Protein backbone atom coordinates (compact mmCIF):
# COMPACT_ATOMS: atom_id res chain seq x y z
CA MET A 1 9.97 3.48 -13.84
CA SER A 2 6.79 1.89 -14.31
CA ASN A 3 4.01 3.39 -16.96
CA LEU A 4 2.21 4.84 -13.40
CA PHE A 5 4.60 7.61 -13.95
CA GLU A 6 5.50 7.93 -17.58
CA ARG A 7 3.79 10.20 -20.32
CA ASP A 8 5.01 10.75 -23.75
CA GLY A 9 8.32 8.84 -22.81
CA ARG A 10 9.08 10.96 -19.88
CA ALA A 11 8.56 10.20 -16.16
CA THR A 12 6.39 12.44 -14.09
CA VAL A 13 5.44 12.63 -10.67
CA GLY A 14 2.03 13.99 -9.07
CA THR A 15 0.54 16.79 -11.23
CA GLY A 16 3.65 17.28 -13.43
CA GLU A 17 5.29 19.81 -11.30
CA MET A 18 8.34 17.49 -11.38
CA SER A 19 9.49 15.94 -14.75
CA LEU A 20 12.36 13.38 -14.68
CA GLY A 21 14.28 12.26 -17.49
CA ALA A 22 13.56 8.43 -18.03
CA ARG A 23 17.12 7.43 -18.09
CA SER A 24 18.29 4.27 -16.36
CA ILE A 25 20.21 4.38 -13.18
CA PRO A 26 23.14 1.91 -13.18
CA ALA A 27 22.94 0.98 -9.74
CA VAL A 28 20.92 1.00 -6.47
CA LEU A 29 22.28 3.77 -4.32
CA PRO A 30 22.21 2.85 -0.35
CA GLU A 31 19.41 4.61 1.38
CA ARG A 32 21.34 7.50 2.82
CA GLU A 33 23.13 8.42 -0.54
CA LEU A 34 19.83 8.01 -2.42
CA VAL A 35 18.10 10.65 -0.04
CA ALA A 36 21.06 12.95 -0.29
CA SER A 37 21.17 12.69 -3.97
CA CYS A 38 17.40 13.57 -4.03
CA ARG A 39 17.75 16.41 -2.08
CA ALA A 40 20.42 17.71 -4.15
CA GLY A 41 18.10 17.66 -6.97
CA ASP A 42 19.29 14.51 -8.86
CA PRO A 43 16.36 13.35 -11.20
CA GLU A 44 17.95 10.08 -11.64
CA ALA A 45 18.06 9.43 -7.79
CA PHE A 46 14.61 10.19 -7.48
CA ALA A 47 13.41 8.25 -10.30
CA GLN A 48 15.15 5.33 -8.53
CA LEU A 49 13.35 5.96 -5.29
CA VAL A 50 9.87 5.82 -7.03
CA ARG A 51 11.11 2.78 -8.88
CA LEU A 52 11.88 1.02 -5.56
CA HIS A 53 8.82 2.00 -3.76
CA GLU A 54 6.09 2.29 -6.52
CA GLY A 55 4.74 -1.22 -6.30
CA MET A 56 4.45 -0.98 -2.47
CA VAL A 57 2.82 2.32 -2.38
CA LEU A 58 0.16 1.10 -5.23
CA ASN A 59 -0.59 -2.14 -3.48
CA LEU A 60 -0.93 -0.63 0.06
CA ALA A 61 -2.87 2.15 -1.47
CA ALA A 62 -5.58 -0.16 -3.02
CA ARG A 63 -5.66 -2.46 0.14
CA LEU A 64 -6.67 0.46 1.90
CA LEU A 65 -9.11 2.09 -0.55
CA GLY A 66 -10.61 -1.06 -2.24
CA GLN A 67 -10.55 0.74 -5.60
CA VAL A 68 -7.36 0.55 -8.08
CA GLU A 69 -7.93 3.73 -10.14
CA GLU A 70 -8.41 5.73 -6.90
CA ALA A 71 -5.17 4.01 -5.53
CA ARG A 72 -3.30 5.17 -8.76
CA ASP A 73 -4.12 8.48 -8.29
CA VAL A 74 -3.05 8.36 -4.49
CA ALA A 75 0.23 6.90 -5.65
CA GLN A 76 0.99 9.93 -7.82
CA GLU A 77 0.12 12.10 -5.14
CA VAL A 78 2.22 10.26 -2.60
CA PHE A 79 5.50 10.63 -4.71
CA LEU A 80 4.46 14.26 -5.07
CA GLN A 81 4.38 14.61 -1.48
CA VAL A 82 7.84 12.50 -0.95
CA TYR A 83 9.44 14.88 -3.48
CA LYS A 84 8.28 18.16 -1.49
CA ARG A 85 8.87 16.70 1.90
CA LEU A 86 12.07 14.79 1.52
CA GLY A 87 13.99 17.64 2.98
CA ALA A 88 12.12 17.09 6.32
CA PHE A 89 12.82 13.28 6.51
CA GLU A 90 15.14 13.15 9.76
CA GLY A 91 16.21 9.31 9.23
CA ARG A 92 14.62 8.29 12.53
CA SER A 93 12.87 5.30 10.63
CA SER A 94 13.69 3.81 7.38
CA LEU A 95 12.61 5.85 4.19
CA ARG A 96 10.15 2.74 3.50
CA THR A 97 8.29 3.26 6.85
CA TRP A 98 8.39 7.13 6.15
CA ILE A 99 6.72 6.67 2.99
CA TYR A 100 4.21 3.95 4.33
CA ARG A 101 2.96 7.07 6.81
CA ILE A 102 2.51 9.29 3.60
CA VAL A 103 0.58 6.43 1.80
CA VAL A 104 -1.80 6.07 4.80
CA ASN A 105 -2.34 9.54 5.56
CA GLN A 106 -3.14 10.34 1.76
CA CYS A 107 -5.55 7.36 1.80
CA HIS A 108 -7.18 8.63 5.06
CA ASN A 109 -7.78 11.92 3.29
CA ARG A 110 -8.98 10.44 -0.06
CA ARG A 111 -11.60 8.67 2.42
CA ARG A 112 -13.04 11.57 3.94
CA PHE A 113 -13.02 13.12 0.31
CA TRP A 114 -15.40 10.39 -0.42
CA LEU A 115 -17.40 10.61 2.66
CA ARG A 116 -18.22 14.35 2.23
CA ARG A 117 -19.43 13.47 -1.41
CA ARG A 118 -21.39 10.35 -0.28
CA ARG A 119 -19.19 7.77 -1.67
CA GLU A 120 -19.19 5.29 1.10
CA ARG A 121 -19.40 2.17 -0.80
CA GLU A 122 -16.15 0.80 -1.99
CA ARG A 123 -16.05 -1.73 -5.06
CA PRO A 124 -14.04 -4.80 -4.94
CA LEU A 125 -10.39 -5.00 -5.69
CA ASP A 126 -9.20 -5.69 -9.34
CA GLU A 127 -7.07 -8.94 -8.42
CA ALA A 128 -5.30 -8.55 -11.86
CA VAL A 129 -3.26 -5.75 -10.45
CA LEU A 130 -3.08 -6.62 -6.82
CA VAL A 131 -1.51 -9.56 -5.09
CA PRO A 132 -4.42 -11.53 -3.41
CA VAL A 133 -4.44 -11.73 0.34
CA PRO A 134 -2.38 -14.59 1.27
CA LEU A 135 -4.33 -17.53 2.37
CA GLY A 136 -1.76 -20.31 2.78
CA THR A 137 0.64 -21.99 0.52
CA SER A 138 -0.40 -21.77 -3.00
CA ASP A 139 -0.29 -25.21 -5.24
CA THR A 140 1.32 -24.37 -8.62
CA GLY A 141 -0.28 -27.37 -9.91
CA ALA A 142 -3.76 -26.44 -8.84
CA ASN A 143 -6.50 -27.53 -11.59
CA PRO A 144 -8.84 -24.42 -12.67
CA PHE A 145 -11.47 -25.33 -10.03
CA GLU A 146 -8.88 -25.12 -7.05
CA GLU A 147 -7.85 -21.84 -8.66
CA THR A 148 -11.31 -20.36 -8.84
CA LEU A 149 -11.67 -21.34 -5.12
CA ARG A 150 -8.56 -19.66 -4.16
CA HIS A 151 -9.35 -16.32 -6.12
CA GLU A 152 -12.83 -16.54 -4.42
CA ARG A 153 -11.35 -16.99 -1.09
CA ALA A 154 -9.10 -13.97 -1.45
CA ARG A 155 -12.00 -11.93 -2.88
CA ARG A 156 -13.99 -12.78 0.41
CA VAL A 157 -10.87 -12.01 2.60
CA GLN A 158 -10.55 -8.70 0.91
CA ALA A 159 -14.09 -7.73 1.15
CA ALA A 160 -14.25 -8.41 5.03
CA LEU A 161 -10.74 -6.09 5.22
CA LEU A 162 -12.79 -3.26 3.57
CA GLU A 163 -15.56 -3.48 6.23
CA LEU A 164 -13.08 -2.70 8.98
CA ARG A 165 -12.71 0.82 10.39
CA PHE A 166 -9.85 2.51 8.70
CA GLU A 167 -7.59 2.68 11.46
CA HIS A 168 -7.97 -1.10 12.08
CA ARG A 169 -7.56 -2.01 8.51
CA SER A 170 -4.17 0.06 7.96
CA VAL A 171 -2.81 -1.60 11.35
CA LEU A 172 -3.87 -5.11 9.84
CA VAL A 173 -2.56 -4.55 6.28
CA LEU A 174 0.89 -2.91 7.46
CA ARG A 175 1.41 -5.85 10.25
CA GLU A 176 -0.03 -8.81 8.46
CA LEU A 177 0.58 -8.15 4.67
CA GLU A 178 3.48 -5.62 4.59
CA GLY A 179 5.37 -7.59 7.34
CA LEU A 180 6.12 -4.70 9.48
CA SER A 181 6.80 -5.12 13.10
CA CYS A 182 4.58 -3.43 15.80
CA GLU A 183 7.29 -1.05 16.30
CA ASP A 184 7.41 0.00 12.74
CA VAL A 185 3.82 0.02 12.20
CA ALA A 186 3.70 2.58 15.15
CA ALA A 187 6.19 4.75 13.48
CA ALA A 188 4.41 4.35 10.22
CA LEU A 189 1.19 5.65 11.83
CA GLY A 190 2.48 8.02 14.35
CA VAL A 191 0.70 6.24 17.46
CA PRO A 192 2.26 4.48 20.30
CA GLU A 193 3.02 0.73 19.96
CA GLY A 194 0.45 -0.11 22.56
CA THR A 195 -2.20 1.50 20.46
CA VAL A 196 -0.96 -0.67 17.57
CA LYS A 197 -1.24 -3.85 19.46
CA SER A 198 -4.71 -2.99 20.74
CA ARG A 199 -5.77 -2.16 17.21
CA LEU A 200 -4.37 -5.28 15.77
CA SER A 201 -6.06 -7.47 18.37
CA ARG A 202 -9.39 -5.81 17.43
CA ALA A 203 -8.95 -6.21 13.57
CA ARG A 204 -7.80 -9.66 14.07
CA GLU A 205 -11.00 -10.33 15.98
CA ALA A 206 -13.21 -8.72 13.63
CA MET A 207 -11.77 -10.52 10.69
CA ARG A 208 -12.23 -14.11 12.43
CA ARG A 209 -15.98 -13.23 13.07
CA LYS A 210 -16.41 -12.08 9.24
CA LEU A 211 -14.70 -15.02 8.04
CA ALA A 212 -16.19 -17.56 10.28
CA GLY A 213 -18.39 -18.95 7.89
CA LEU A 214 -15.48 -19.37 5.15
CA ILE A 215 -13.29 -21.20 7.66
CA GLU A 216 -15.98 -23.48 8.68
CA GLY A 217 -16.83 -24.40 4.89
CA GLU A 218 -13.13 -24.92 4.20
CA VAL A 219 -13.21 -27.35 7.56
CA ARG A 220 -16.00 -29.22 6.37
CA THR A 221 -14.46 -29.50 2.61
C-alpha cells in the first residue's frame, strides 16, 4: 500500500469508514478471486486491489483535474466508492475499466463542485508526481538543456490538454495515455463507441491546433 492510504501505520480508505490491516499479501489473486474475496470482506484482498490500481487512479485523476492535491482527494473517494459498490460489479468489463468509470465520474463531480464555487482556473500539474505526457522516445543520455526542453514540451502539452472540454479530455486521456481501445473507453464512460470516436477526433484536432506553434518550432529546430 502506498502512503496515500496510510495513517498511523494502518491503511485507510476514503474518510476512514473502512480500516484495513496493512499486512502484506503473499500473491496477486486472479481478478475473479480478488473480487470475490473483497465481497466476502477480506481486508487483505481489498488492500491488494488498492495497491494494484492506486497509481492509475491518481495519475488519471491528476490528468483530468490538473491539480495533484485534488487528485489525491479524489483517489481516496474513488476507493471508498469501489468498496461500497463492488457488490454491483457484474464483470461485463474488466475491474480496471469499471474503476476507470468511477474515476471519471468522481472527477466530473469535482469539477462541478469547483464551478459552483468559481474555481474554474486550473493550476499546472506537479510533474514530480505525474508521468509527463509522452512526446516520443526519451534519450536517457540527454543533457540538462535537452531535459529542460523535454519537460517544457510536456508542460505545454498538459496545459493544452486542460483547455479541452472535459468530455474530450477524458476520451483523449483514456485512449492515448491509458491505451484503452475505443470499445473499452466506451465501457468506461458509459457512452456508445461511435460517440467515443467522434469525441476523440475532435479532441485530437483541438490538440493539433493548440500545439501548432510547439510543433512548428521543433520542426525549425
